[in-house]
């Protein structure tokens, strides 16, 4: 599972003939992540961590004011910029936790994406 990991020489007779070395490519990593119940559970836990502090409505609100500000069509009211920054910091901490959990499974992102729906 991990780069450079060697399986013990003695394997069960039933599976020994099927064992062959492979290279964990980005495509294979993504395929494993898509099929993994462990990765799905990490995604669920990430949502729970975000929801413990922010509702879906909160997220939509921050998206609206953040995009509006970035486009120059919205001016933050008192405290909104700080609230948006706190929200962003919380979500990024949760995303970092998710990346660390996937890394424990040997499924760390090869290159962190600028935007990922599950972290």
N, C-alpha and C. Protein backbone atom coordinates (compact mmCIF):
# COMPACT_ATOMS: atom_id res chain seq x y z
N UNK A 1 0.83 -1.19 0.00
CA UNK A 1 0.00 0.00 0.00
C UNK A 1 0.87 1.25 0.00
N UNK A 2 1.94 1.26 0.76
CA UNK A 2 2.79 2.43 0.81
C UNK A 2 3.98 2.23 -0.12
N UNK A 3 4.45 3.30 -0.73
CA UNK A 3 5.61 3.21 -1.60
C UNK A 3 6.77 2.57 -0.86
N UNK A 4 7.40 1.60 -1.49
CA UNK A 4 8.55 0.95 -0.90
C UNK A 4 8.20 -0.14 0.10
N UNK A 5 6.93 -0.40 0.34
CA UNK A 5 6.51 -1.42 1.30
C UNK A 5 6.61 -2.79 0.64
N UNK A 6 7.17 -3.74 1.35
CA UNK A 6 7.31 -5.10 0.84
C UNK A 6 6.45 -6.04 1.66
N UNK A 7 5.65 -6.82 0.97
CA UNK A 7 4.82 -7.81 1.65
C UNK A 7 5.70 -8.94 2.19
N UNK A 8 5.28 -9.56 3.27
CA UNK A 8 6.04 -10.71 3.77
C UNK A 8 6.13 -11.79 2.69
N UNK A 9 7.24 -12.51 2.67
CA UNK A 9 7.46 -13.54 1.63
C UNK A 9 6.43 -14.66 1.72
N UNK A 10 6.03 -15.02 2.91
CA UNK A 10 5.07 -16.10 3.10
C UNK A 10 3.65 -15.56 3.01
N UNK A 11 2.95 -15.88 1.95
CA UNK A 11 1.56 -15.48 1.78
C UNK A 11 0.70 -16.73 1.65
N UNK A 12 -0.59 -16.60 1.94
CA UNK A 12 -1.50 -17.73 1.82
C UNK A 12 -1.47 -18.26 0.39
N UNK A 13 -1.56 -19.57 0.28
CA UNK A 13 -1.51 -20.23 -1.02
C UNK A 13 -2.57 -19.68 -1.97
N UNK A 14 -3.74 -19.34 -1.42
CA UNK A 14 -4.84 -18.87 -2.25
C UNK A 14 -4.54 -17.54 -2.94
N UNK A 15 -3.76 -16.69 -2.30
CA UNK A 15 -3.54 -15.36 -2.89
C UNK A 15 -2.14 -15.16 -3.45
N UNK A 16 -1.19 -16.01 -3.07
CA UNK A 16 0.20 -15.83 -3.49
C UNK A 16 0.36 -15.66 -5.00
N UNK A 17 -0.32 -16.46 -5.84
CA UNK A 17 -0.13 -16.30 -7.29
C UNK A 17 -0.66 -14.97 -7.84
N UNK A 18 -1.56 -14.34 -7.10
CA UNK A 18 -2.16 -13.10 -7.62
C UNK A 18 -1.39 -11.85 -7.21
N UNK A 19 -0.38 -11.99 -6.35
CA UNK A 19 0.36 -10.82 -5.87
C UNK A 19 1.40 -10.43 -6.90
N UNK A 20 1.33 -9.18 -7.31
CA UNK A 20 2.34 -8.65 -8.24
C UNK A 20 2.59 -7.18 -7.92
N UNK A 21 3.81 -6.73 -8.13
CA UNK A 21 4.12 -5.33 -7.83
C UNK A 21 3.32 -4.39 -8.71
N UNK A 22 3.04 -3.22 -8.18
CA UNK A 22 2.35 -2.21 -8.97
C UNK A 22 2.87 -0.84 -8.58
N UNK A 23 2.64 0.09 -9.46
CA UNK A 23 2.97 1.48 -9.17
C UNK A 23 1.67 2.20 -8.87
N UNK A 24 1.66 2.89 -7.74
CA UNK A 24 0.46 3.62 -7.36
C UNK A 24 0.42 4.93 -8.14
N UNK A 25 -0.24 4.90 -9.28
CA UNK A 25 -0.38 6.09 -10.11
C UNK A 25 -1.47 6.99 -9.55
N UNK A 26 -1.51 8.21 -10.01
CA UNK A 26 -2.58 9.12 -9.59
C UNK A 26 -3.95 8.54 -9.94
N UNK A 27 -4.07 7.95 -11.12
CA UNK A 27 -5.35 7.38 -11.55
C UNK A 27 -5.77 6.23 -10.63
N UNK A 28 -4.83 5.34 -10.30
CA UNK A 28 -5.15 4.22 -9.41
C UNK A 28 -5.48 4.73 -8.01
N UNK A 29 -4.75 5.72 -7.53
CA UNK A 29 -5.02 6.30 -6.21
C UNK A 29 -6.46 6.84 -6.18
N UNK A 30 -6.86 7.56 -7.22
CA UNK A 30 -8.22 8.12 -7.28
C UNK A 30 -9.27 7.02 -7.37
N UNK A 31 -8.96 5.94 -8.08
CA UNK A 31 -9.89 4.82 -8.19
C UNK A 31 -10.09 4.15 -6.82
N UNK A 32 -8.99 3.96 -6.10
CA UNK A 32 -9.07 3.36 -4.77
C UNK A 32 -9.84 4.28 -3.83
N UNK A 33 -9.55 5.58 -3.88
CA UNK A 33 -10.25 6.53 -3.02
C UNK A 33 -11.75 6.52 -3.30
N UNK A 34 -12.13 6.44 -4.57
CA UNK A 34 -13.55 6.45 -4.95
C UNK A 34 -14.28 5.21 -4.43
N UNK A 35 -13.57 4.08 -4.34
CA UNK A 35 -14.20 2.83 -3.92
C UNK A 35 -14.09 2.58 -2.41
N UNK A 36 -13.29 3.36 -1.71
CA UNK A 36 -12.98 3.08 -0.31
C UNK A 36 -14.06 3.56 0.66
N UNK A 37 -14.60 2.64 1.46
CA UNK A 37 -15.54 3.06 2.49
C UNK A 37 -14.83 3.91 3.57
N UNK A 38 -13.54 3.70 3.75
CA UNK A 38 -12.79 4.48 4.72
C UNK A 38 -12.68 5.94 4.28
N UNK A 39 -12.44 6.14 3.00
CA UNK A 39 -12.35 7.50 2.47
C UNK A 39 -13.73 8.17 2.53
N UNK A 40 -14.79 7.42 2.26
CA UNK A 40 -16.14 7.98 2.39
C UNK A 40 -16.41 8.40 3.83
N UNK A 41 -15.98 7.58 4.78
CA UNK A 41 -16.17 7.91 6.19
C UNK A 41 -15.39 9.17 6.57
N UNK A 42 -14.19 9.31 6.06
CA UNK A 42 -13.41 10.53 6.30
C UNK A 42 -14.19 11.74 5.77
N UNK A 43 -14.75 11.62 4.59
CA UNK A 43 -15.55 12.71 4.02
C UNK A 43 -16.75 13.04 4.89
N UNK A 44 -17.41 12.02 5.40
CA UNK A 44 -18.56 12.24 6.29
C UNK A 44 -18.12 12.94 7.57
N UNK A 45 -17.00 12.49 8.12
CA UNK A 45 -16.49 13.12 9.35
C UNK A 45 -16.11 14.58 9.10
N UNK A 46 -15.59 14.86 7.93
CA UNK A 46 -15.25 16.24 7.59
C UNK A 46 -16.52 17.10 7.56
N UNK A 47 -17.57 16.58 6.94
CA UNK A 47 -18.84 17.32 6.91
C UNK A 47 -19.37 17.54 8.32
N UNK A 48 -19.27 16.51 9.15
CA UNK A 48 -19.74 16.64 10.54
C UNK A 48 -18.95 17.71 11.29
N UNK A 49 -17.64 17.75 11.07
CA UNK A 49 -16.82 18.75 11.74
C UNK A 49 -17.20 20.17 11.30
N UNK A 50 -17.44 20.33 10.01
CA UNK A 50 -17.86 21.64 9.51
C UNK A 50 -19.23 21.99 10.06
N UNK A 51 -20.17 21.04 9.99
CA UNK A 51 -21.54 21.28 10.45
C UNK A 51 -21.62 21.53 11.96
N UNK A 52 -20.63 21.06 12.70
CA UNK A 52 -20.65 21.30 14.14
C UNK A 52 -20.52 22.78 14.46
N UNK A 53 -20.02 23.54 13.50
CA UNK A 53 -19.81 24.97 13.73
C UNK A 53 -20.60 25.85 12.75
N UNK A 54 -20.81 25.37 11.53
CA UNK A 54 -21.46 26.17 10.49
C UNK A 54 -22.54 25.36 9.79
N UNK A 55 -23.68 25.98 9.53
CA UNK A 55 -24.77 25.32 8.81
C UNK A 55 -24.55 25.47 7.30
N UNK A 56 -25.35 24.75 6.54
CA UNK A 56 -25.32 24.89 5.08
C UNK A 56 -25.66 26.33 4.69
N UNK A 57 -26.62 26.92 5.39
CA UNK A 57 -27.00 28.31 5.12
C UNK A 57 -25.83 29.25 5.39
N UNK A 58 -25.07 28.99 6.46
CA UNK A 58 -23.87 29.79 6.74
C UNK A 58 -22.89 29.71 5.57
N UNK A 59 -22.68 28.49 5.08
CA UNK A 59 -21.74 28.31 3.97
C UNK A 59 -22.20 29.06 2.72
N UNK A 60 -23.49 28.99 2.43
CA UNK A 60 -24.00 29.71 1.26
C UNK A 60 -23.84 31.21 1.44
N UNK A 61 -24.09 31.70 2.64
CA UNK A 61 -23.92 33.13 2.94
C UNK A 61 -22.46 33.54 2.72
N UNK A 62 -21.52 32.78 3.27
CA UNK A 62 -20.11 33.13 3.10
C UNK A 62 -19.69 33.04 1.64
N UNK A 63 -20.24 32.08 0.91
CA UNK A 63 -19.93 31.99 -0.52
C UNK A 63 -20.43 33.23 -1.26
N UNK A 64 -21.66 33.65 -0.95
CA UNK A 64 -22.22 34.83 -1.62
C UNK A 64 -21.41 36.08 -1.34
N UNK A 65 -21.11 36.33 -0.07
CA UNK A 65 -20.40 37.57 0.23
C UNK A 65 -18.94 37.51 -0.21
N UNK A 66 -18.35 36.32 -0.16
CA UNK A 66 -16.96 36.17 -0.61
C UNK A 66 -16.83 36.40 -2.10
N UNK A 67 -17.70 35.78 -2.87
CA UNK A 67 -17.68 35.96 -4.32
C UNK A 67 -18.05 37.40 -4.67
N UNK A 68 -19.07 37.92 -4.03
CA UNK A 68 -19.45 39.31 -4.30
C UNK A 68 -18.32 40.27 -4.04
N UNK A 69 -17.62 40.07 -2.93
CA UNK A 69 -16.47 40.93 -2.61
C UNK A 69 -15.36 40.77 -3.64
N UNK A 70 -15.07 39.53 -4.02
CA UNK A 70 -14.02 39.27 -5.00
C UNK A 70 -14.34 39.90 -6.35
N UNK A 71 -15.62 39.95 -6.69
CA UNK A 71 -16.04 40.55 -7.96
C UNK A 71 -16.19 42.06 -7.88
N UNK A 72 -16.09 42.58 -6.66
CA UNK A 72 -16.21 44.02 -6.47
C UNK A 72 -17.63 44.53 -6.47
N UNK A 73 -18.59 43.63 -6.25
CA UNK A 73 -20.00 44.04 -6.25
C UNK A 73 -20.61 44.00 -4.86
N UNK A 74 -19.79 43.70 -3.86
CA UNK A 74 -20.29 43.64 -2.49
C UNK A 74 -19.23 44.22 -1.57
N UNK A 75 -19.65 45.02 -0.62
CA UNK A 75 -18.75 45.59 0.37
C UNK A 75 -19.10 44.96 1.71
N UNK A 76 -18.09 44.38 2.38
CA UNK A 76 -18.33 43.76 3.67
C UNK A 76 -18.89 44.76 4.67
N UNK A 77 -19.84 44.29 5.46
CA UNK A 77 -20.33 45.06 6.59
C UNK A 77 -19.43 44.75 7.79
N UNK A 78 -19.59 45.49 8.85
CA UNK A 78 -18.76 45.32 10.03
C UNK A 78 -18.77 43.86 10.51
N UNK A 79 -17.59 43.29 10.65
CA UNK A 79 -17.44 41.94 11.17
C UNK A 79 -17.54 40.83 10.15
N UNK A 80 -18.03 41.12 8.95
CA UNK A 80 -18.21 40.06 7.95
C UNK A 80 -16.88 39.51 7.45
N UNK A 81 -15.91 40.36 7.21
CA UNK A 81 -14.61 39.89 6.71
C UNK A 81 -13.97 38.96 7.74
N UNK A 82 -14.07 39.32 9.02
CA UNK A 82 -13.50 38.49 10.08
C UNK A 82 -14.25 37.16 10.20
N UNK A 83 -15.57 37.21 10.07
CA UNK A 83 -16.37 35.99 10.14
C UNK A 83 -16.04 35.06 8.97
N UNK A 84 -15.88 35.64 7.79
CA UNK A 84 -15.52 34.85 6.61
C UNK A 84 -14.14 34.24 6.79
N UNK A 85 -13.20 35.00 7.34
CA UNK A 85 -11.85 34.47 7.57
C UNK A 85 -11.87 33.33 8.60
N UNK A 86 -12.67 33.48 9.64
CA UNK A 86 -12.78 32.42 10.66
C UNK A 86 -13.39 31.16 10.06
N UNK A 87 -14.41 31.33 9.25
CA UNK A 87 -15.03 30.19 8.56
C UNK A 87 -13.99 29.51 7.66
N UNK A 88 -13.28 30.30 6.88
CA UNK A 88 -12.26 29.73 5.98
C UNK A 88 -11.19 28.98 6.73
N UNK A 89 -10.75 29.52 7.87
CA UNK A 89 -9.72 28.85 8.67
C UNK A 89 -10.24 27.53 9.22
N UNK A 90 -11.50 27.52 9.67
CA UNK A 90 -12.09 26.29 10.19
C UNK A 90 -12.17 25.22 9.10
N UNK A 91 -12.68 25.60 7.94
CA UNK A 91 -12.82 24.64 6.84
C UNK A 91 -11.45 24.14 6.40
N UNK A 92 -10.47 25.01 6.32
CA UNK A 92 -9.14 24.57 5.91
C UNK A 92 -8.53 23.62 6.93
N UNK A 93 -8.76 23.85 8.21
CA UNK A 93 -8.27 22.93 9.24
C UNK A 93 -8.93 21.56 9.09
N UNK A 94 -10.21 21.54 8.79
CA UNK A 94 -10.92 20.28 8.57
C UNK A 94 -10.37 19.59 7.32
N UNK A 95 -10.15 20.33 6.26
CA UNK A 95 -9.58 19.75 5.04
C UNK A 95 -8.20 19.16 5.30
N UNK A 96 -7.39 19.85 6.09
CA UNK A 96 -6.06 19.34 6.42
C UNK A 96 -6.17 18.05 7.22
N UNK A 97 -7.13 17.99 8.14
CA UNK A 97 -7.37 16.76 8.89
C UNK A 97 -7.72 15.63 7.93
N UNK A 98 -8.60 15.90 6.97
CA UNK A 98 -8.99 14.87 5.99
C UNK A 98 -7.81 14.40 5.17
N UNK A 99 -6.96 15.33 4.73
CA UNK A 99 -5.76 14.94 3.98
C UNK A 99 -4.86 14.05 4.83
N UNK A 100 -4.70 14.39 6.10
CA UNK A 100 -3.85 13.60 7.00
C UNK A 100 -4.43 12.20 7.20
N UNK A 101 -5.76 12.11 7.34
CA UNK A 101 -6.40 10.81 7.51
C UNK A 101 -6.23 9.95 6.26
N UNK A 102 -6.39 10.54 5.07
CA UNK A 102 -6.19 9.78 3.83
C UNK A 102 -4.73 9.35 3.71
N UNK A 103 -3.81 10.19 4.16
CA UNK A 103 -2.38 9.84 4.11
C UNK A 103 -2.10 8.62 4.97
N UNK A 104 -2.80 8.48 6.11
CA UNK A 104 -2.63 7.31 6.95
C UNK A 104 -3.01 6.02 6.22
N UNK A 105 -3.89 6.15 5.23
CA UNK A 105 -4.30 5.00 4.43
C UNK A 105 -3.41 4.80 3.21
N UNK A 106 -2.42 5.67 3.07
CA UNK A 106 -1.55 5.61 1.89
C UNK A 106 -2.19 6.25 0.69
N UNK A 107 -3.21 7.08 0.90
CA UNK A 107 -3.96 7.68 -0.20
C UNK A 107 -3.88 9.20 -0.18
N UNK A 108 -2.74 9.71 0.22
CA UNK A 108 -2.55 11.16 0.24
C UNK A 108 -2.69 11.69 -1.18
N UNK A 109 -3.21 12.90 -1.29
CA UNK A 109 -3.32 13.53 -2.58
C UNK A 109 -1.92 13.75 -3.13
N UNK A 110 -1.73 13.39 -4.41
CA UNK A 110 -0.41 13.55 -5.03
C UNK A 110 -0.04 15.03 -5.08
N UNK A 111 -0.97 15.84 -5.53
CA UNK A 111 -0.76 17.28 -5.53
C UNK A 111 -2.06 17.90 -5.05
N UNK A 112 -2.02 18.64 -3.95
CA UNK A 112 -3.26 19.24 -3.44
C UNK A 112 -3.92 20.10 -4.50
N UNK A 113 -5.20 19.87 -4.69
CA UNK A 113 -5.96 20.65 -5.67
C UNK A 113 -6.33 21.99 -5.09
N UNK A 114 -6.55 22.96 -5.96
CA UNK A 114 -6.98 24.28 -5.52
C UNK A 114 -8.38 24.20 -4.91
N UNK A 115 -9.18 23.29 -5.41
CA UNK A 115 -10.52 23.11 -4.86
C UNK A 115 -10.88 21.63 -4.93
N UNK A 116 -11.32 21.10 -3.81
CA UNK A 116 -11.69 19.71 -3.72
C UNK A 116 -12.98 19.64 -2.93
N UNK A 117 -13.96 18.93 -3.45
CA UNK A 117 -15.25 18.90 -2.77
C UNK A 117 -15.20 18.13 -1.46
N UNK A 118 -14.26 17.15 -1.32
CA UNK A 118 -14.18 16.41 -0.07
C UNK A 118 -12.81 16.60 0.56
N UNK A 119 -12.21 17.69 0.32
CA UNK A 119 -11.01 17.98 1.03
C UNK A 119 -9.81 17.59 0.41
